[in-house]
């Protein structure tokens, strides 16, 4: 089996396919479907918060998982290249479609380099809907990891 690695952050675009009518399963169900198989050796989940808190450690972990040898002298350049500052400066290269799908373009897609801002912009009603959807689709452990990152269990 070849490895599968994905970095999760809301919104999500991942698969395997959960049971149920297709193509209308929720993004949360997709997350849970990956979570359920995180123990397999060909699946590795990485969280954006972990990349923010420990970029070098996270990228070194990814490289090791993918069996990519990196010269020690290359790490500073790699870590600089994945920094938010660099990603923002080259946002048109990294945003899907060069950013044409977002009002404000690629600078809107690569916005502030933080996670969890959605809590500040959703209404109380929308947050309640989110909670209900999470309660329906996610195990508590999966939800905790999805919202915060950290060590996988």
C-alpha atoms as a PDB file:
ATOM      1  CA  UNK A   1       0.000   0.000   0.000  1.00  0.00           C
ATOM      2  CA  UNK A   2       1.250   3.456  -0.783  1.00  0.00           C
ATOM      3  CA  UNK A   3       1.127   6.081   1.959  1.00  0.00           C
ATOM      4  CA  UNK A   4      -1.658   8.622   2.197  1.00  0.00           C
ATOM      5  CA  UNK A   5      -1.021  11.821   4.054  1.00  0.00           C
ATOM      6  CA  UNK A   6      -3.317  14.751   4.486  1.00  0.00           C
ATOM      7  CA  UNK A   7      -3.251  17.910   6.525  1.00  0.00           C
ATOM      8  CA  UNK A   8      -6.628  18.621   8.070  1.00  0.00           C
ATOM      9  CA  UNK A   9      -8.094  22.000   8.699  1.00  0.00           C
ATOM     10  CA  UNK A  10     -11.584  23.329   8.172  1.00  0.00           C
ATOM     11  CA  UNK A  11     -12.822  23.295   5.422  1.00  0.00           C
ATOM     12  CA  UNK A  12     -11.815  19.803   4.411  1.00  0.00           C
ATOM     13  CA  UNK A  13     -11.323  17.940   1.163  1.00  0.00           C
ATOM     14  CA  UNK A  14     -10.427  14.381   1.971  1.00  0.00           C
ATOM     15  CA  UNK A  15     -11.759  10.907   1.262  1.00  0.00           C
ATOM     16  CA  UNK A  16     -12.265   7.602   1.830  1.00  0.00           C
ATOM     17  CA  UNK A  17     -15.961   7.244   1.245  1.00  0.00           C
ATOM     18  CA  UNK A  18     -18.200   6.773   4.282  1.00  0.00           C
ATOM     19  CA  UNK A  19     -21.366   4.728   3.932  1.00  0.00           C
ATOM     20  CA  UNK A  20     -24.553   6.479   2.934  1.00  0.00           C
ATOM     21  CA  UNK A  21     -25.981   8.247  -0.072  1.00  0.00           C
ATOM     22  CA  UNK A  22     -23.357   9.732  -2.340  1.00  0.00           C
ATOM     23  CA  UNK A  23     -22.138  12.357  -3.045  1.00  0.00           C
ATOM     24  CA  UNK A  24     -23.894  14.036  -0.125  1.00  0.00           C
ATOM     25  CA  UNK A  25     -22.040  12.787   2.957  1.00  0.00           C
ATOM     26  CA  UNK A  26     -20.795  15.517   5.252  1.00  0.00           C
ATOM     27  CA  UNK A  27     -17.235  16.751   5.490  1.00  0.00           C
ATOM     28  CA  UNK A  28     -17.294  15.740   9.134  1.00  0.00           C
ATOM     29  CA  UNK A  29     -18.173  12.162   8.135  1.00  0.00           C
ATOM     30  CA  UNK A  30     -15.169  12.227   5.806  1.00  0.00           C
ATOM     31  CA  UNK A  31     -12.931  13.330   8.671  1.00  0.00           C
ATOM     32  CA  UNK A  32     -14.303  10.585  10.903  1.00  0.00           C
ATOM     33  CA  UNK A  33     -13.714   8.008   8.165  1.00  0.00           C
ATOM     34  CA  UNK A  34     -10.021   8.950   8.029  1.00  0.00           C
ATOM     35  CA  UNK A  35      -9.836   9.095  11.823  1.00  0.00           C
ATOM     36  CA  UNK A  36     -11.158   5.553  12.091  1.00  0.00           C
ATOM     37  CA  UNK A  37      -8.218   4.278  10.025  1.00  0.00           C
ATOM     38  CA  UNK A  38      -5.462   6.502  11.428  1.00  0.00           C
ATOM     39  CA  UNK A  39      -3.791   3.440  12.953  1.00  0.00           C
ATOM     40  CA  UNK A  40      -2.987   1.961   9.530  1.00  0.00           C
ATOM     41  CA  UNK A  41       0.614   2.335   8.417  1.00  0.00           C
ATOM     42  CA  UNK A  42      -0.301   3.929   5.098  1.00  0.00           C
ATOM     43  CA  UNK A  43      -2.401   6.752   6.607  1.00  0.00           C
ATOM     44  CA  UNK A  44      -0.894   9.745   8.378  1.00  0.00           C
ATOM     45  CA  UNK A  45      -2.951  12.656   9.625  1.00  0.00           C
ATOM     46  CA  UNK A  46      -1.306  16.009  10.206  1.00  0.00           C
ATOM     47  CA  UNK A  47      -3.037  19.047  11.689  1.00  0.00           C
ATOM     48  CA  UNK A  48      -2.437  22.660  10.710  1.00  0.00           C
ATOM     49  CA  UNK A  49      -2.152  23.693  14.369  1.00  0.00           C
ATOM     50  CA  UNK A  50       0.753  21.287  14.784  1.00  0.00           C
ATOM     51  CA  UNK A  51       2.426  22.784  11.727  1.00  0.00           C
ATOM     52  CA  UNK A  52       1.971  26.242  13.253  1.00  0.00           C
ATOM     53  CA  UNK A  53       3.298  25.278  16.679  1.00  0.00           C
ATOM     54  CA  UNK A  54       6.232  23.160  15.470  1.00  0.00           C
ATOM     55  CA  UNK A  55       6.843  23.659  11.758  1.00  0.00           C
ATOM     56  CA  UNK A  56      10.245  22.005  11.639  1.00  0.00           C
ATOM     57  CA  UNK A  57       9.224  19.023  13.755  1.00  0.00           C
ATOM     58  CA  UNK A  58       6.051  18.511  11.724  1.00  0.00           C
ATOM     59  CA  UNK A  59       7.822  18.734   8.361  1.00  0.00           C
ATOM     60  CA  UNK A  60      10.625  16.451   9.555  1.00  0.00           C
ATOM     61  CA  UNK A  61       7.964  13.974  10.677  1.00  0.00           C
ATOM     62  CA  UNK A  62       6.293  14.143   7.249  1.00  0.00           C
ATOM     63  CA  UNK A  63       9.588  13.612   5.457  1.00  0.00           C
ATOM     64  CA  UNK A  64      10.430  10.625   7.654  1.00  0.00           C
ATOM     65  CA  UNK A  65       6.982   9.127   7.126  1.00  0.00           C
ATOM     66  CA  UNK A  66       7.304   9.497   3.361  1.00  0.00           C
ATOM     67  CA  UNK A  67      10.872   8.185   3.488  1.00  0.00           C
ATOM     68  CA  UNK A  68      12.259  11.373   1.957  1.00  0.00           C
ATOM     69  CA  UNK A  69      15.890  12.038   2.755  1.00  0.00           C
ATOM     70  CA  UNK A  70      16.643  15.708   3.308  1.00  0.00           C
ATOM     71  CA  UNK A  71      20.129  17.085   3.667  1.00  0.00           C
ATOM     72  CA  UNK A  72      20.536  18.815   7.019  1.00  0.00           C
ATOM     73  CA  UNK A  73      21.739  21.934   5.200  1.00  0.00           C
ATOM     74  CA  UNK A  74      18.411  22.123   3.303  1.00  0.00           C
ATOM     75  CA  UNK A  75      16.171  22.337   6.387  1.00  0.00           C
ATOM     76  CA  UNK A  76      16.470  26.101   7.011  1.00  0.00           C
ATOM     77  CA  UNK A  77      15.429  26.826   3.404  1.00  0.00           C
ATOM     78  CA  UNK A  78      12.537  24.366   3.614  1.00  0.00           C
ATOM     79  CA  UNK A  79      11.276  25.794   6.906  1.00  0.00           C
ATOM     80  CA  UNK A  80      11.458  29.333   5.500  1.00  0.00           C
ATOM     81  CA  UNK A  81       9.618  28.219   2.339  1.00  0.00           C
ATOM     82  CA  UNK A  82       6.689  26.816   4.347  1.00  0.00           C
ATOM     83  CA  UNK A  83       6.426  29.835   6.642  1.00  0.00           C
ATOM     84  CA  UNK A  84       3.216  31.831   6.518  1.00  0.00           C
ATOM     85  CA  UNK A  85       5.178  34.888   5.404  1.00  0.00           C
ATOM     86  CA  UNK A  86       6.483  33.053   2.333  1.00  0.00           C
ATOM     87  CA  UNK A  87       3.166  31.338   1.585  1.00  0.00           C
ATOM     88  CA  UNK A  88       1.359  34.688   1.769  1.00  0.00           C
ATOM     89  CA  UNK A  89       3.947  36.349  -0.481  1.00  0.00           C
ATOM     90  CA  UNK A  90       3.390  33.599  -3.074  1.00  0.00           C
ATOM     91  CA  UNK A  91      -0.316  33.055  -2.413  1.00  0.00           C
ATOM     92  CA  UNK A  92      -1.263  32.883  -6.100  1.00  0.00           C
ATOM     93  CA  UNK A  93       0.941  29.792  -6.416  1.00  0.00           C
ATOM     94  CA  UNK A  94      -0.707  28.000  -3.501  1.00  0.00           C
ATOM     95  CA  UNK A  95      -4.382  28.985  -3.650  1.00  0.00           C
ATOM     96  CA  UNK A  96      -6.570  26.719  -5.784  1.00  0.00           C
ATOM     97  CA  UNK A  97      -7.029  28.309  -9.204  1.00  0.00           C
ATOM     98  CA  UNK A  98      -4.578  31.018  -8.234  1.00  0.00           C
ATOM     99  CA  UNK A  99      -7.255  32.419  -5.934  1.00  0.00           C
ATOM    100  CA  UNK A 100      -9.905  33.181  -8.566  1.00  0.00           C
ATOM    101  CA  UNK A 101     -12.583  31.429  -6.503  1.00  0.00           C
ATOM    102  CA  UNK A 102     -12.345  33.861  -3.570  1.00  0.00           C
ATOM    103  CA  UNK A 103     -13.440  37.458  -3.310  1.00  0.00           C
ATOM    104  CA  UNK A 104     -10.128  39.197  -2.826  1.00  0.00           C
ATOM    105  CA  UNK A 105      -8.226  36.437  -4.624  1.00  0.00           C
ATOM    106  CA  UNK A 106      -5.354  34.384  -3.282  1.00  0.00           C
ATOM    107  CA  UNK A 107      -4.696  36.846  -0.461  1.00  0.00           C
ATOM    108  CA  UNK A 108      -8.141  35.976   0.889  1.00  0.00           C
ATOM    109  CA  UNK A 109      -7.475  32.244   0.625  1.00  0.00           C
ATOM    110  CA  UNK A 110      -4.170  32.548   2.482  1.00  0.00           C
ATOM    111  CA  UNK A 111      -5.461  35.011   5.007  1.00  0.00           C
ATOM    112  CA  UNK A 112      -3.973  35.205   8.507  1.00  0.00           C
ATOM    113  CA  UNK A 113      -2.188  31.914   9.071  1.00  0.00           C
ATOM    114  CA  UNK A 114      -4.241  30.986  12.098  1.00  0.00           C
ATOM    115  CA  UNK A 115      -6.791  28.287  12.747  1.00  0.00           C
ATOM    116  CA  UNK A 116     -10.092  28.488  14.586  1.00  0.00           C
ATOM    117  CA  UNK A 117     -11.118  31.986  13.481  1.00  0.00           C
ATOM    118  CA  UNK A 118     -14.433  30.501  12.364  1.00  0.00           C
ATOM    119  CA  UNK A 119     -15.539  30.557  16.013  1.00  0.00           C
ATOM    120  CA  UNK A 120     -15.317  34.359  15.961  1.00  0.00           C
ATOM    121  CA  UNK A 121     -17.403  34.834  12.820  1.00  0.00           C
ATOM    122  CA  UNK A 122     -20.210  32.315  13.329  1.00  0.00           C
ATOM    123  CA  UNK A 123     -23.390  33.302  15.142  1.00  0.00           C
ATOM    124  CA  UNK A 124     -24.561  31.494  18.278  1.00  0.00           C
ATOM    125  CA  UNK A 125     -27.109  29.663  16.135  1.00  0.00           C
ATOM    126  CA  UNK A 126     -24.438  28.583  13.639  1.00  0.00           C
ATOM    127  CA  UNK A 127     -22.167  27.426  16.462  1.00  0.00           C
ATOM    128  CA  UNK A 128     -25.065  25.383  17.882  1.00  0.00           C
ATOM    129  CA  UNK A 129     -25.601  23.821  14.442  1.00  0.00           C
ATOM    130  CA  UNK A 130     -21.887  23.003  14.267  1.00  0.00           C
ATOM    131  CA  UNK A 131     -22.027  21.391  17.724  1.00  0.00           C
ATOM    132  CA  UNK A 132     -25.039  19.311  16.713  1.00  0.00           C
ATOM    133  CA  UNK A 133     -23.334  18.196  13.497  1.00  0.00           C
ATOM    134  CA  UNK A 134     -20.175  17.253  15.398  1.00  0.00           C
ATOM    135  CA  UNK A 135     -22.182  15.332  17.979  1.00  0.00           C
ATOM    136  CA  UNK A 136     -23.857  13.413  15.149  1.00  0.00           C
ATOM    137  CA  UNK A 137     -20.791  12.719  12.969  1.00  0.00           C
ATOM    138  CA  UNK A 138     -17.655  12.677  15.165  1.00  0.00           C
ATOM    139  CA  UNK A 139     -16.394  10.725  18.111  1.00  0.00           C
ATOM    140  CA  UNK A 140     -15.290  13.020  20.973  1.00  0.00           C
ATOM    141  CA  UNK A 141     -11.617  12.135  20.355  1.00  0.00           C
ATOM    142  CA  UNK A 142     -11.859  12.914  16.652  1.00  0.00           C
ATOM    143  CA  UNK A 143     -13.586  16.216  17.347  1.00  0.00           C
ATOM    144  CA  UNK A 144     -10.966  17.220  19.904  1.00  0.00           C
ATOM    145  CA  UNK A 145      -8.165  16.496  17.426  1.00  0.00           C
ATOM    146  CA  UNK A 146      -9.964  18.186  14.525  1.00  0.00           C
ATOM    147  CA  UNK A 147     -10.485  21.377  16.497  1.00  0.00           C
ATOM    148  CA  UNK A 148      -7.114  21.505  18.244  1.00  0.00           C
ATOM    149  CA  UNK A 149      -4.571  19.132  16.730  1.00  0.00           C
ATOM    150  CA  UNK A 150      -2.001  17.487  18.954  1.00  0.00           C
ATOM    151  CA  UNK A 151      -0.853  13.935  19.454  1.00  0.00           C
ATOM    152  CA  UNK A 152      -2.941  11.240  17.824  1.00  0.00           C
ATOM    153  CA  UNK A 153      -4.200   8.407  19.983  1.00  0.00           C
END
